[in-house]
Amino acid sequence: MRRCFVGFAFILSISIHLPGAAAESSRDWPGWRGPQRNGCSTETGLLSKWPEGGPRLLWTATGLGEGFSTPSVVGDRIYVMGNRDGQELVLALDAAAQGGAVWTAVLGAVRHDGGGYPGPRSTPTVDDNRVYALGLNGDLVCLDAEGGEEIWRHDLPGDFGGQVGGWGYAESVLVDGPWVLCTPGGPQATILALNKINGKRVWQSKIGDTADYSSIIAIEVDGVKQYVQFTKQGVIGVSGKNGQLLWRYDAPANGTANCATPVFADGSVFAASGYGAGGGLVHLKKKGRKFNAEQVYFTKEMKNHHGGLVLVDGYLYGSDDPGVLTCLDFKTGEVKWRDRSCGKCSLVYADGMLYCRSEQGVVSLVRTTPKRFELAGRFDQPQRSDRAAWPHSLIADGRLYLRDQDKLLCYDVRASGT
């Protein structure tokens, strides 16, 4: 199996669960960028080439409302966010019933226009029969996954002095062990750890950085657990015990919007942003109680805006602004190939392939090889809205899911076609 890294070593966690239950299996996509937060699926037996017109469309669900939230999928349940009738919502859908509605929970009244792009951006995180969701305004809720009942909530600006950029909160919160990790931003709680059961504060990092639009990852270096986040000012690593600042790396920050989730492997972190910035790799080396973040390289060939990056077998794939799919050697930054045909795209990995979704809605299947760009299929998403196709695609149980504003499309990408 190809290796796809971020955070800890690649682990398959397999569990048995009933349809609709919130226990996770290796075929689930329980949160932002998948089971390991690296944009990679563990599934095999998927199509290695698409027929003309793309894979088979199984169903289209409507009623999601306005927004750019990427769904999460656990068992037969799909969790997503949207604005509808003046309210910001978390919705649960039934995959076995072609996306039929199961329940709807209200975060609050719509109070933010998303800087001209209204609707929530966060992906709900599913853990132990609970769903954790962060709204555009900073409403953080914990819900019962089965029925949608509210268990606890926080207002990040009101409760923790949160400060975020003009496009609103876009982070997908991380559940790690007993904690929920999020980024209120500001001098009181740049990063915050909460008890996932009752929502009580565990610790807060008083660093002062403003929250931007990336999401936290968990890593371990020299036996030290850390949480890494890309704030408005730069990339920071904090202690997994108490949130103390361990290191920072500001070179990839652009001053406008830092969106892409950092990538970790072999003691090194790669982070990139758009708006002319680029990306850099730092190697983390322990020095006393803190760490040095020693830059290995910086490249202008990976100005990744918000489409994300995936690391497969030592090679980093991502879209370089204004829309050039690029393959880099992770350790050296050497460009292996570049291709413009996929457009400015988000991407996920599964079974040797990249699923690349452009802002215009075109979806491409590309083989993961550093030798050359190899296209294995392409189709135009039908039923397109007039908004950018910013939600990332995802793979769960042999299905490809595409969210486009009020609609969710589900495709069969299994090689068996059954």
Protein backbone atom coordinates (compact mmCIF):
# COMPACT_ATOMS: atom_id res chain seq x y z
CA MET A 1 0.00 0.00 0.00
CA ARG A 2 1.21 3.50 -0.79
CA ARG A 3 2.07 5.56 2.26
CA CYS A 4 0.21 8.80 2.85
CA PHE A 5 1.34 10.83 5.85
CA VAL A 6 0.33 13.61 8.19
CA GLY A 7 0.79 13.52 11.94
CA PHE A 8 1.35 10.03 13.30
CA ALA A 9 2.15 6.84 11.46
CA PHE A 10 -0.55 5.58 9.17
CA ILE A 11 -2.93 3.43 11.24
CA LEU A 12 -6.00 1.56 10.11
CA SER A 13 -8.64 1.53 12.84
CA ILE A 14 -11.34 -1.00 12.04
CA SER A 15 -14.53 -1.25 14.08
CA ILE A 16 -17.93 -2.84 13.66
CA HIS A 17 -20.93 -0.52 13.62
CA LEU A 18 -24.58 -0.56 12.78
CA PRO A 19 -26.04 1.57 10.00
CA GLY A 20 -26.50 5.10 11.23
CA ALA A 21 -24.28 4.63 14.29
CA ALA A 22 -21.31 6.93 14.88
CA ALA A 23 -18.63 4.31 15.47
CA GLU A 24 -15.80 4.77 12.99
CA SER A 25 -14.43 2.25 10.50
CA SER A 26 -11.60 2.38 8.00
CA ARG A 27 -14.15 3.19 5.29
CA ASP A 28 -15.46 6.29 7.06
CA TRP A 29 -14.51 9.94 6.55
CA PRO A 30 -15.23 11.27 10.06
CA GLY A 31 -13.94 14.82 9.67
CA TRP A 32 -11.86 17.33 7.75
CA ARG A 33 -9.46 15.65 5.30
CA GLY A 34 -10.39 12.16 6.46
CA PRO A 35 -9.46 9.75 9.25
CA GLN A 36 -5.88 10.99 9.66
CA ARG A 37 -6.44 14.64 8.59
CA ASN A 38 -4.14 14.13 5.62
CA GLY A 39 -6.57 14.09 2.68
CA CYS A 40 -6.03 10.34 2.23
CA SER A 41 -8.45 7.43 2.17
CA THR A 42 -7.33 3.89 3.06
CA GLU A 43 -9.80 2.31 0.66
CA THR A 44 -8.79 0.00 -2.18
CA GLY A 45 -10.68 -1.64 -5.02
CA LEU A 46 -11.59 1.70 -6.58
CA LEU A 47 -11.73 2.61 -10.26
CA SER A 48 -8.28 3.30 -11.73
CA LYS A 49 -9.84 4.81 -14.85
CA TRP A 50 -13.18 6.51 -15.40
CA PRO A 51 -15.46 5.89 -18.36
CA GLU A 52 -16.37 8.80 -20.62
CA GLY A 53 -18.64 11.09 -18.62
CA GLY A 54 -17.17 9.97 -15.30
CA PRO A 55 -18.29 7.43 -12.68
CA ARG A 56 -21.94 6.53 -12.13
CA LEU A 57 -24.01 9.13 -10.30
CA LEU A 58 -26.03 7.26 -7.66
CA TRP A 59 -28.10 10.09 -6.24
CA THR A 60 -28.38 13.82 -5.61
CA ALA A 61 -29.69 15.21 -2.31
CA THR A 62 -31.01 18.76 -1.91
CA GLY A 63 -31.84 20.98 1.03
CA LEU A 64 -28.33 21.49 2.43
CA GLY A 65 -28.70 25.26 2.24
CA GLU A 66 -26.10 27.86 1.44
CA GLY A 67 -22.44 27.27 2.25
CA PHE A 68 -19.11 25.66 1.48
CA SER A 69 -18.95 23.03 4.24
CA THR A 70 -17.38 19.72 3.20
CA PRO A 71 -19.36 16.76 4.61
CA SER A 72 -18.14 14.03 6.93
CA VAL A 73 -19.43 10.46 6.62
CA VAL A 74 -19.65 7.75 9.31
CA GLY A 75 -21.55 4.58 8.52
CA ASP A 76 -24.73 5.60 6.70
CA ARG A 77 -24.77 9.06 8.26
CA ILE A 78 -23.60 12.18 6.45
CA TYR A 79 -22.99 15.36 8.48
CA VAL A 80 -22.75 18.77 6.85
CA MET A 81 -23.47 22.46 7.53
CA GLY A 82 -25.45 25.16 5.73
CA ASN A 83 -27.51 28.34 6.01
CA ARG A 84 -31.25 28.08 5.52
CA ASP A 85 -34.09 30.45 6.36
CA GLY A 86 -31.80 32.84 8.22
CA GLN A 87 -30.30 30.14 10.44
CA GLU A 88 -26.92 28.41 10.48
CA LEU A 89 -27.45 24.66 10.67
CA VAL A 90 -25.83 21.28 11.16
CA LEU A 91 -27.62 18.59 9.17
CA ALA A 92 -27.54 14.81 9.32
CA LEU A 93 -28.47 12.87 6.18
CA ASP A 94 -29.01 9.17 5.48
CA ALA A 95 -26.70 7.82 2.77
CA ALA A 96 -28.76 4.63 2.55
CA ALA A 97 -31.84 6.73 1.74
CA GLN A 98 -30.18 8.77 -1.01
CA GLY A 99 -29.29 11.63 1.32
CA GLY A 100 -32.67 11.93 2.99
CA ALA A 101 -32.85 14.22 6.03
CA VAL A 102 -32.44 12.63 9.48
CA TRP A 103 -32.17 15.67 11.76
CA THR A 104 -31.32 19.37 11.77
CA ALA A 105 -29.67 21.32 14.61
CA VAL A 106 -29.53 25.11 14.83
CA LEU A 107 -26.23 26.82 15.66
CA GLY A 108 -27.84 30.25 15.68
CA ALA A 109 -29.07 33.07 13.50
CA VAL A 110 -26.94 33.96 10.47
CA ARG A 111 -24.86 36.92 11.68
CA HIS A 112 -21.97 36.93 9.19
CA ASP A 113 -21.91 37.17 5.40
CA GLY A 114 -18.56 35.38 5.10
CA GLY A 115 -16.91 38.41 3.58
CA GLY A 116 -19.26 38.25 0.62
CA TYR A 117 -19.28 34.43 0.45
CA PRO A 118 -22.08 33.46 2.84
CA GLY A 119 -22.47 30.11 4.53
CA PRO A 120 -20.40 27.91 6.87
CA ARG A 121 -17.09 26.46 5.71
CA SER A 122 -16.28 23.95 8.46
CA THR A 123 -16.52 20.17 8.29
CA PRO A 124 -18.28 18.56 11.29
CA THR A 125 -16.04 16.21 13.29
CA VAL A 126 -17.59 12.90 14.41
CA ASP A 127 -16.27 11.07 17.48
CA ASP A 128 -17.88 8.54 19.86
CA ASN A 129 -21.50 9.26 18.93
CA ARG A 130 -20.96 13.00 19.09
CA VAL A 131 -20.68 15.64 16.36
CA TYR A 132 -18.60 18.79 16.87
CA ALA A 133 -19.25 21.72 14.54
CA LEU A 134 -17.98 25.31 14.32
CA GLY A 135 -20.09 27.98 12.68
CA LEU A 136 -19.00 31.02 10.73
CA ASN A 137 -19.72 33.30 13.72
CA GLY A 138 -17.70 31.18 16.17
CA ASP A 139 -20.55 29.10 17.58
CA LEU A 140 -18.99 25.79 18.62
CA VAL A 141 -21.47 23.02 19.41
CA CYS A 142 -21.34 19.41 20.51
CA LEU A 143 -24.35 17.40 19.34
CA ASP A 144 -25.62 13.88 19.81
CA ALA A 145 -24.84 12.11 16.53
CA GLU A 146 -27.97 9.98 16.59
CA GLY A 147 -30.63 12.58 17.27
CA GLY A 148 -28.92 15.96 16.97
CA GLU A 149 -29.63 17.07 20.53
CA GLU A 150 -27.28 19.74 21.84
CA ILE A 151 -24.87 18.58 24.58
CA TRP A 152 -22.82 21.75 25.06
CA ARG A 153 -21.84 24.93 23.23
CA HIS A 154 -19.41 27.84 23.29
CA ASP A 155 -19.17 31.24 21.61
CA LEU A 156 -15.48 31.57 20.69
CA PRO A 157 -15.44 35.40 20.53
CA GLY A 158 -17.73 35.84 23.52
CA ASP A 159 -16.32 33.16 25.81
CA PHE A 160 -12.63 33.32 24.88
CA GLY A 161 -12.09 36.71 23.22
CA GLY A 162 -11.69 35.04 19.84
CA GLN A 163 -10.37 37.06 16.90
CA VAL A 164 -10.63 35.85 13.29
CA GLY A 165 -10.21 37.26 9.79
CA GLY A 166 -12.96 38.88 7.78
CA TRP A 167 -14.17 35.67 6.13
CA GLY A 168 -15.21 34.23 9.49
CA TYR A 169 -14.39 30.97 11.24
CA ALA A 170 -13.56 28.23 8.71
CA GLU A 171 -11.65 25.79 10.92
CA SER A 172 -12.77 22.20 11.35
CA VAL A 173 -12.13 21.35 15.00
CA LEU A 174 -9.86 18.45 15.95
CA VAL A 175 -10.91 15.78 18.44
CA ASP A 176 -7.82 14.15 19.92
CA GLY A 177 -8.18 11.73 22.82
CA PRO A 178 -10.25 13.43 25.54
CA TRP A 179 -9.98 16.90 24.02
CA VAL A 180 -11.48 19.14 21.38
CA LEU A 181 -8.86 21.50 19.89
CA CYS A 182 -9.81 24.74 18.16
CA THR A 183 -8.45 28.20 17.35
CA PRO A 184 -10.43 31.11 18.80
CA GLY A 185 -7.49 33.42 18.00
CA GLY A 186 -6.36 36.50 19.88
CA PRO A 187 -4.40 37.13 23.10
CA GLN A 188 -6.64 35.09 25.42
CA ALA A 189 -6.82 31.81 23.54
CA THR A 190 -4.97 31.57 20.25
CA ILE A 191 -5.43 27.80 20.56
CA LEU A 192 -7.87 26.20 22.99
CA ALA A 193 -8.32 22.70 24.43
CA LEU A 194 -11.73 21.71 25.77
CA ASN A 195 -12.99 18.56 27.44
CA LYS A 196 -14.89 16.83 24.66
CA ILE A 197 -17.54 15.43 27.02
CA ASN A 198 -18.61 18.57 28.87
CA GLY A 199 -16.93 21.41 26.97
CA LYS A 200 -14.97 22.67 29.98
CA ARG A 201 -11.71 24.47 29.32
CA VAL A 202 -8.54 22.39 29.78
CA TRP A 203 -5.91 24.92 28.65
CA GLN A 204 -5.49 27.90 26.34
CA SER A 205 -2.48 29.24 24.47
CA LYS A 206 -2.05 32.97 25.07
CA ILE A 207 0.13 33.58 22.03
CA GLY A 208 -1.75 36.47 20.46
CA ASP A 209 -2.05 35.29 16.84
CA THR A 210 -5.32 35.95 15.01
CA ALA A 211 -7.22 32.88 13.82
CA ASP A 212 -7.21 32.38 10.06
CA TYR A 213 -8.77 29.59 7.99
CA SER A 214 -6.61 26.50 8.50
CA SER A 215 -7.19 23.53 10.83
CA ILE A 216 -5.05 21.99 13.57
CA ILE A 217 -3.10 18.76 13.16
CA ALA A 218 -1.54 16.59 15.90
CA ILE A 219 2.08 15.50 15.54
CA GLU A 220 4.85 13.94 17.65
CA VAL A 221 8.54 14.84 17.44
CA ASP A 222 11.27 13.40 19.70
CA GLY A 223 8.58 11.95 21.94
CA VAL A 224 6.84 15.31 22.38
CA LYS A 225 3.17 15.61 21.42
CA GLN A 226 2.35 18.87 19.62
CA TYR A 227 -0.51 20.64 17.92
CA VAL A 228 0.31 22.57 14.75
CA GLN A 229 -1.80 25.41 13.34
CA PHE A 230 -1.44 27.99 10.56
CA THR A 231 -2.62 31.32 11.98
CA LYS A 232 -2.76 34.72 10.30
CA GLN A 233 0.80 35.42 11.44
CA GLY A 234 2.38 32.04 10.64
CA VAL A 235 2.69 28.36 11.49
CA ILE A 236 2.92 27.56 15.21
CA GLY A 237 3.50 24.40 17.22
CA VAL A 238 2.27 24.17 20.81
CA SER A 239 2.73 21.60 23.54
CA GLY A 240 0.22 18.78 23.61
CA LYS A 241 0.22 18.99 27.40
CA ASN A 242 -0.50 22.63 28.13
CA GLY A 243 -0.53 24.64 24.89
CA GLN A 244 2.83 26.32 25.51
CA LEU A 245 4.39 27.73 22.34
CA LEU A 246 7.22 25.43 21.17
CA TRP A 247 8.15 26.96 17.78
CA ARG A 248 6.93 29.13 14.95
CA TYR A 249 7.58 29.54 11.23
CA ASP A 250 6.19 32.68 9.60
CA ALA A 251 7.61 32.49 6.05
CA PRO A 252 4.54 30.82 4.43
CA ALA A 253 2.10 33.46 5.77
CA ASN A 254 0.77 35.96 3.23
CA GLY A 255 -1.06 38.52 5.37
CA THR A 256 -4.39 37.98 3.58
CA ALA A 257 -5.63 34.42 4.09
CA ASN A 258 -3.77 31.30 5.22
CA CYS A 259 -6.06 28.35 4.50
CA ALA A 260 -4.24 25.09 3.74
CA THR A 261 -3.74 22.53 6.50
CA PRO A 262 -0.02 21.88 7.20
CA VAL A 263 1.52 18.52 6.29
CA PHE A 264 3.79 16.56 8.65
CA ALA A 265 6.19 13.64 8.05
CA ASP A 266 9.57 12.48 9.35
CA GLY A 267 9.97 15.29 11.86
CA SER A 268 9.25 18.00 9.30
CA VAL A 269 6.29 20.31 8.60
CA PHE A 270 5.37 21.76 5.20
CA ALA A 271 2.99 24.72 5.01
CA ALA A 272 1.94 26.86 2.07
CA SER A 273 -0.43 29.67 1.16
CA GLY A 274 -1.55 31.63 -1.90
CA TYR A 275 -1.57 35.34 -2.70
CA GLY A 276 1.96 35.07 -4.06
CA ALA A 277 3.49 33.51 -0.95
CA GLY A 278 4.48 29.87 -1.59
CA GLY A 279 5.43 27.05 0.73
CA GLY A 280 8.29 25.94 2.94
CA LEU A 281 9.52 22.89 4.80
CA VAL A 282 10.97 23.13 8.30
CA HIS A 283 12.67 20.36 10.22
CA LEU A 284 11.86 20.37 13.93
CA LYS A 285 14.75 19.85 16.32
CA LYS A 286 14.37 19.74 20.09
CA LYS A 287 16.29 22.40 22.01
CA GLY A 288 15.68 22.33 25.74
CA ARG A 289 11.96 22.63 26.38
CA LYS A 290 11.29 24.14 22.96
CA PHE A 291 12.08 23.35 19.33
CA ASN A 292 13.98 24.99 16.53
CA ALA A 293 12.12 25.13 13.22
CA GLU A 294 15.00 24.98 10.74
CA GLN A 295 13.97 25.84 7.19
CA VAL A 296 15.03 23.17 4.69
CA TYR A 297 13.70 24.97 1.61
CA PHE A 298 11.12 27.52 0.47
CA THR A 299 9.46 27.32 -2.93
CA LYS A 300 7.30 29.64 -5.02
CA GLU A 301 6.15 26.57 -6.96
CA MET A 302 3.49 25.64 -4.37
CA LYS A 303 1.36 28.73 -3.71
CA ASN A 304 -1.47 26.59 -2.38
CA HIS A 305 -4.55 28.65 -1.61
CA HIS A 306 -7.28 26.47 -0.09
CA GLY A 307 -7.22 23.25 -2.14
CA GLY A 308 -4.95 21.42 0.28
CA LEU A 309 -1.92 19.19 -0.08
CA VAL A 310 -1.42 15.43 0.06
CA LEU A 311 1.79 13.51 0.65
CA VAL A 312 2.15 10.10 -1.00
CA ASP A 313 5.35 8.02 -1.00
CA GLY A 314 7.53 11.03 -0.31
CA TYR A 315 5.97 13.30 -2.94
CA LEU A 316 3.76 16.29 -2.26
CA TYR A 317 0.82 17.07 -4.55
CA GLY A 318 -1.15 20.30 -4.63
CA SER A 319 -2.50 23.08 -6.78
CA ASP A 320 -0.15 26.04 -7.24
CA ASP A 321 -1.90 29.35 -7.92
CA PRO A 322 -3.34 30.29 -10.35
CA GLY A 323 -4.14 26.65 -11.11
CA VAL A 324 -1.19 24.38 -11.82
CA LEU A 325 -1.31 20.88 -10.34
CA THR A 326 2.22 20.30 -9.05
CA CYS A 327 4.26 17.38 -7.73
CA LEU A 328 7.21 18.17 -5.44
CA ASP A 329 9.81 16.03 -3.71
CA PHE A 330 8.79 16.55 -0.07
CA LYS A 331 12.32 16.49 1.34
CA THR A 332 14.03 18.69 -1.26
CA GLY A 333 11.30 20.80 -2.88
CA GLU A 334 12.38 19.68 -6.35
CA VAL A 335 9.57 20.03 -8.88
CA LYS A 336 8.84 16.69 -10.56
CA TRP A 337 6.03 17.87 -12.86
CA ARG A 338 3.41 20.58 -13.37
CA ASP A 339 0.14 20.52 -15.33
CA ARG A 340 -2.57 23.15 -15.89
CA SER A 341 -5.41 20.97 -17.15
CA CYS A 342 -7.06 20.35 -13.74
CA GLY A 343 -7.44 24.06 -13.00
CA LYS A 344 -7.29 25.52 -9.51
CA CYS A 345 -8.38 22.49 -7.53
CA SER A 346 -8.76 20.79 -4.19
CA LEU A 347 -7.59 17.19 -3.99
CA VAL A 348 -7.83 13.99 -2.00
CA TYR A 349 -6.02 10.67 -2.41
CA ALA A 350 -7.38 7.11 -2.59
CA ASP A 351 -6.03 3.84 -3.99
CA GLY A 352 -3.18 5.29 -6.02
CA MET A 353 -5.21 8.17 -7.44
CA LEU A 354 -5.81 11.87 -6.86
CA TYR A 355 -9.36 13.16 -7.05
CA CYS A 356 -8.99 16.79 -8.16
CA ARG A 357 -11.98 19.14 -8.08
CA SER A 358 -11.60 22.52 -9.74
CA GLU A 359 -13.36 25.68 -8.63
CA GLN A 360 -15.43 25.48 -11.83
CA GLY A 361 -16.71 22.01 -10.88
CA VAL A 362 -14.61 19.85 -13.22
CA VAL A 363 -13.43 16.66 -11.48
CA SER A 364 -10.24 14.89 -12.64
CA LEU A 365 -8.73 11.53 -11.75
CA VAL A 366 -4.90 11.65 -11.75
CA ARG A 367 -2.41 8.87 -10.99
CA THR A 368 0.02 9.53 -8.14
CA THR A 369 3.41 9.16 -9.76
CA PRO A 370 6.36 11.56 -9.69
CA LYS A 371 7.35 10.55 -13.24
CA ARG A 372 4.75 12.51 -15.16
CA PHE A 373 1.20 13.85 -15.09
CA GLU A 374 -1.17 10.99 -15.96
CA LEU A 375 -4.87 11.74 -16.39
CA ALA A 376 -7.19 8.75 -15.88
CA GLY A 377 -10.57 10.42 -16.25
CA ARG A 378 -12.45 13.70 -16.12
CA PHE A 379 -16.04 14.90 -15.99
CA ASP A 380 -18.02 18.10 -15.50
CA GLN A 381 -20.12 18.04 -12.38
CA PRO A 382 -23.78 18.30 -13.40
CA GLN A 383 -26.37 20.49 -11.65
CA ARG A 384 -23.77 23.19 -10.97
CA SER A 385 -24.63 26.18 -8.86
CA ASP A 386 -23.35 29.65 -9.75
CA ARG A 387 -20.87 29.55 -6.84
CA ALA A 388 -17.27 28.32 -6.77
CA ALA A 389 -16.92 24.58 -6.07
CA TRP A 390 -14.79 25.16 -2.97
CA PRO A 391 -15.92 22.23 -0.80
CA HIS A 392 -13.39 19.41 -1.02
CA SER A 393 -14.43 16.06 -2.41
CA LEU A 394 -14.22 12.97 -0.21
CA ILE A 395 -14.21 9.16 -0.48
CA ALA A 396 -16.24 7.00 1.91
CA ASP A 397 -17.24 3.35 1.44
CA GLY A 398 -16.52 3.38 -2.28
CA ARG A 399 -18.48 6.58 -2.83
CA LEU A 400 -17.27 9.96 -4.05
CA TYR A 401 -19.17 12.87 -2.51
CA LEU A 402 -19.34 16.37 -4.02
CA ARG A 403 -21.10 19.20 -2.19
CA ASP A 404 -22.24 22.21 -4.25
CA GLN A 405 -24.19 24.70 -2.14
CA ASP A 406 -27.72 23.23 -1.62
CA LYS A 407 -26.86 19.93 -3.33
CA LEU A 408 -24.84 16.82 -2.46
CA LEU A 409 -23.93 14.42 -5.25
CA CYS A 410 -22.90 10.80 -4.58
CA TYR A 411 -20.95 8.74 -7.16
CA ASP A 412 -20.01 5.06 -7.21
CA VAL A 413 -16.22 4.82 -7.69
CA ARG A 414 -15.77 1.14 -6.83
CA ALA A 415 -14.05 -0.96 -9.48
CA SER A 416 -16.77 -3.60 -9.19
CA GLY A 417 -19.42 -1.04 -10.05
CA THR A 418 -21.81 -2.60 -7.55
